[in-house]
Amino acid sequence: MYRIIKIDGTELGITDSVRYIRIGDSGDLTPCGSEDAIGVAYLSVPYNLVGYRLIEGADTVVVSAVDAGSLAFQQGNLVDELILAALEG
C-alpha cells in the first residue's frame, strides 16, 4: 500500500497501487512507469512528485510505501479503544 502526502503534511489518502504519470508527446498527461514519472494521479487529480514542477497548477506530493498489516493492526487497536471507552461511559 502507498500513502500519498502533500508536502505541507496533508495526507490525501492510501492506495493499493500508484498511478504514475508523465507528459506525453501530445502534451497530455499519460500513465507511465515509476522511472519515467514526473507525477502521480490520485482520485483522478494530477500531482507533481517531489523534485518536479512540470504539471502546472498541481500540488506536490510524496509517495510513501506503508505496511498494510501494521496499518490494519493499528486501526483495530483504535476501534477496540473506542468501543471500550463507549462501554465505560
C-alpha atoms as a PDB file:
ATOM      1  CA  MET A   1       0.000   0.000   0.000  1.00  0.00           C
ATOM      2  CA  TYR A   2       1.062   3.569  -0.557  1.00  0.00           C
ATOM      3  CA  ARG A   3       0.350   6.762   1.349  1.00  0.00           C
ATOM      4  CA  ILE A   4       0.024   9.964  -0.721  1.00  0.00           C
ATOM      5  CA  ILE A   5       1.097  13.035   1.280  1.00  0.00           C
ATOM      6  CA  LYS A   6       1.252  16.671   0.150  1.00  0.00           C
ATOM      7  CA  ILE A   7       4.498  18.433   1.043  1.00  0.00           C
ATOM      8  CA  ASP A   8       2.618  20.579   3.558  1.00  0.00           C
ATOM      9  CA  GLY A   9       1.930  17.365   5.506  1.00  0.00           C
ATOM     10  CA  THR A  10      -1.695  16.893   4.451  1.00  0.00           C
ATOM     11  CA  GLU A  11      -2.401  13.213   3.871  1.00  0.00           C
ATOM     12  CA  LEU A  12      -4.504  12.712   0.751  1.00  0.00           C
ATOM     13  CA  GLY A  13      -5.070   9.017   1.306  1.00  0.00           C
ATOM     14  CA  ILE A  14      -3.853   5.462   0.987  1.00  0.00           C
ATOM     15  CA  THR A  15      -3.990   3.352  -2.168  1.00  0.00           C
ATOM     16  CA  ASP A  16      -3.122  -0.189  -3.214  1.00  0.00           C
ATOM     17  CA  SER A  17      -1.195   0.970  -6.267  1.00  0.00           C
ATOM     18  CA  VAL A  18       0.246   4.210  -7.585  1.00  0.00           C
ATOM     19  CA  ARG A  19      -0.739   5.626 -10.966  1.00  0.00           C
ATOM     20  CA  TYR A  20       2.438   7.326 -12.149  1.00  0.00           C
ATOM     21  CA  ILE A  21       2.106   9.917 -14.903  1.00  0.00           C
ATOM     22  CA  ARG A  22       4.267  11.907 -17.295  1.00  0.00           C
ATOM     23  CA  ILE A  23       3.672  14.445 -20.039  1.00  0.00           C
ATOM     24  CA  GLY A  24       3.215  12.548 -23.310  1.00  0.00           C
ATOM     25  CA  ASP A  25       4.322  13.531 -26.809  1.00  0.00           C
ATOM     26  CA  SER A  26       0.972  15.266 -27.412  1.00  0.00           C
ATOM     27  CA  GLY A  27       1.366  17.319 -24.229  1.00  0.00           C
ATOM     28  CA  ASP A  28      -1.299  15.385 -22.340  1.00  0.00           C
ATOM     29  CA  LEU A  29      -0.703  13.525 -19.088  1.00  0.00           C
ATOM     30  CA  THR A  30      -0.256   9.817 -19.691  1.00  0.00           C
ATOM     31  CA  PRO A  31       0.356   6.762 -17.489  1.00  0.00           C
ATOM     32  CA  CYS A  32       3.947   5.538 -17.203  1.00  0.00           C
ATOM     33  CA  GLY A  33       6.294   3.540 -15.021  1.00  0.00           C
ATOM     34  CA  SER A  34       7.835   4.988 -11.881  1.00  0.00           C
ATOM     35  CA  GLU A  35      11.195   5.505 -13.611  1.00  0.00           C
ATOM     36  CA  ASP A  36       9.695   7.990 -16.136  1.00  0.00           C
ATOM     37  CA  ALA A  37       7.195   9.663 -13.795  1.00  0.00           C
ATOM     38  CA  ILE A  38       7.026  13.358 -13.041  1.00  0.00           C
ATOM     39  CA  GLY A  39       3.833  12.994 -11.050  1.00  0.00           C
ATOM     40  CA  VAL A  40       1.008  10.784  -9.887  1.00  0.00           C
ATOM     41  CA  ALA A  41      -2.744  10.772 -10.391  1.00  0.00           C
ATOM     42  CA  TYR A  42      -4.730  10.164  -7.231  1.00  0.00           C
ATOM     43  CA  LEU A  43      -8.549  10.075  -7.434  1.00  0.00           C
ATOM     44  CA  SER A  44      -8.188  11.460 -10.994  1.00  0.00           C
ATOM     45  CA  VAL A  45      -6.295  14.536  -9.754  1.00  0.00           C
ATOM     46  CA  PRO A  46      -2.728  15.070 -11.036  1.00  0.00           C
ATOM     47  CA  TYR A  47       0.069  15.892  -8.579  1.00  0.00           C
ATOM     48  CA  ASN A  48       3.746  16.680  -9.088  1.00  0.00           C
ATOM     49  CA  LEU A  49       6.236  14.356  -7.452  1.00  0.00           C
ATOM     50  CA  VAL A  50       8.855  15.960  -5.207  1.00  0.00           C
ATOM     51  CA  GLY A  51      11.612  17.348  -7.432  1.00  0.00           C
ATOM     52  CA  TYR A  52       9.280  18.139 -10.350  1.00  0.00           C
ATOM     53  CA  ARG A  53       7.094  21.145 -11.127  1.00  0.00           C
ATOM     54  CA  LEU A  54       6.085  20.296 -14.675  1.00  0.00           C
ATOM     55  CA  ILE A  55       2.342  19.836 -14.054  1.00  0.00           C
ATOM     56  CA  GLU A  56       1.152  23.423 -13.981  1.00  0.00           C
ATOM     57  CA  GLY A  57      -1.106  24.315 -11.059  1.00  0.00           C
ATOM     58  CA  ALA A  58      -0.676  20.916  -9.374  1.00  0.00           C
ATOM     59  CA  ASP A  59       0.356  20.410  -5.752  1.00  0.00           C
ATOM     60  CA  THR A  60       3.478  18.398  -4.945  1.00  0.00           C
ATOM     61  CA  VAL A  61       3.283  15.061  -3.151  1.00  0.00           C
ATOM     62  CA  VAL A  62       5.423  12.340  -1.644  1.00  0.00           C
ATOM     63  CA  VAL A  63       4.529   8.691  -2.254  1.00  0.00           C
ATOM     64  CA  SER A  64       5.428   6.528   0.715  1.00  0.00           C
ATOM     65  CA  ALA A  65       5.125   2.737   0.921  1.00  0.00           C
ATOM     66  CA  VAL A  66       3.328   1.540   4.054  1.00  0.00           C
ATOM     67  CA  ASP A  67       2.948  -1.868   5.654  1.00  0.00           C
ATOM     68  CA  ALA A  68      -0.734  -2.738   5.254  1.00  0.00           C
ATOM     69  CA  GLY A  69      -0.664  -5.327   8.047  1.00  0.00           C
ATOM     70  CA  SER A  70       0.756  -2.876  10.560  1.00  0.00           C
ATOM     71  CA  LEU A  71      -1.732  -0.221   9.489  1.00  0.00           C
ATOM     72  CA  ALA A  72      -4.678  -2.616   9.903  1.00  0.00           C
ATOM     73  CA  PHE A  73      -3.392  -3.669  13.337  1.00  0.00           C
ATOM     74  CA  GLN A  74      -3.178  -0.029  14.473  1.00  0.00           C
ATOM     75  CA  GLN A  75      -6.701   0.692  13.212  1.00  0.00           C
ATOM     76  CA  GLY A  76      -8.028  -2.397  15.002  1.00  0.00           C
ATOM     77  CA  ASN A  77      -6.483  -1.221  18.279  1.00  0.00           C
ATOM     78  CA  LEU A  78      -8.062   2.200  17.844  1.00  0.00           C
ATOM     79  CA  VAL A  79     -11.503   0.670  17.263  1.00  0.00           C
ATOM     80  CA  ASP A  80     -11.088  -1.536  20.347  1.00  0.00           C
ATOM     81  CA  GLU A  81     -10.199   1.517  22.464  1.00  0.00           C
ATOM     82  CA  LEU A  82     -13.214   3.444  21.178  1.00  0.00           C
ATOM     83  CA  ILE A  83     -15.566   0.538  21.956  1.00  0.00           C
ATOM     84  CA  LEU A  84     -14.162   0.171  25.469  1.00  0.00           C
ATOM     85  CA  ALA A  85     -14.472   3.909  26.092  1.00  0.00           C
ATOM     86  CA  ALA A  86     -18.102   3.864  24.904  1.00  0.00           C
ATOM     87  CA  LEU A  87     -18.955   0.902  27.128  1.00  0.00           C
ATOM     88  CA  GLU A  88     -17.384   2.532  30.185  1.00  0.00           C
ATOM     89  CA  GLY A  89     -19.245   5.793  29.633  1.00  0.00           C
END
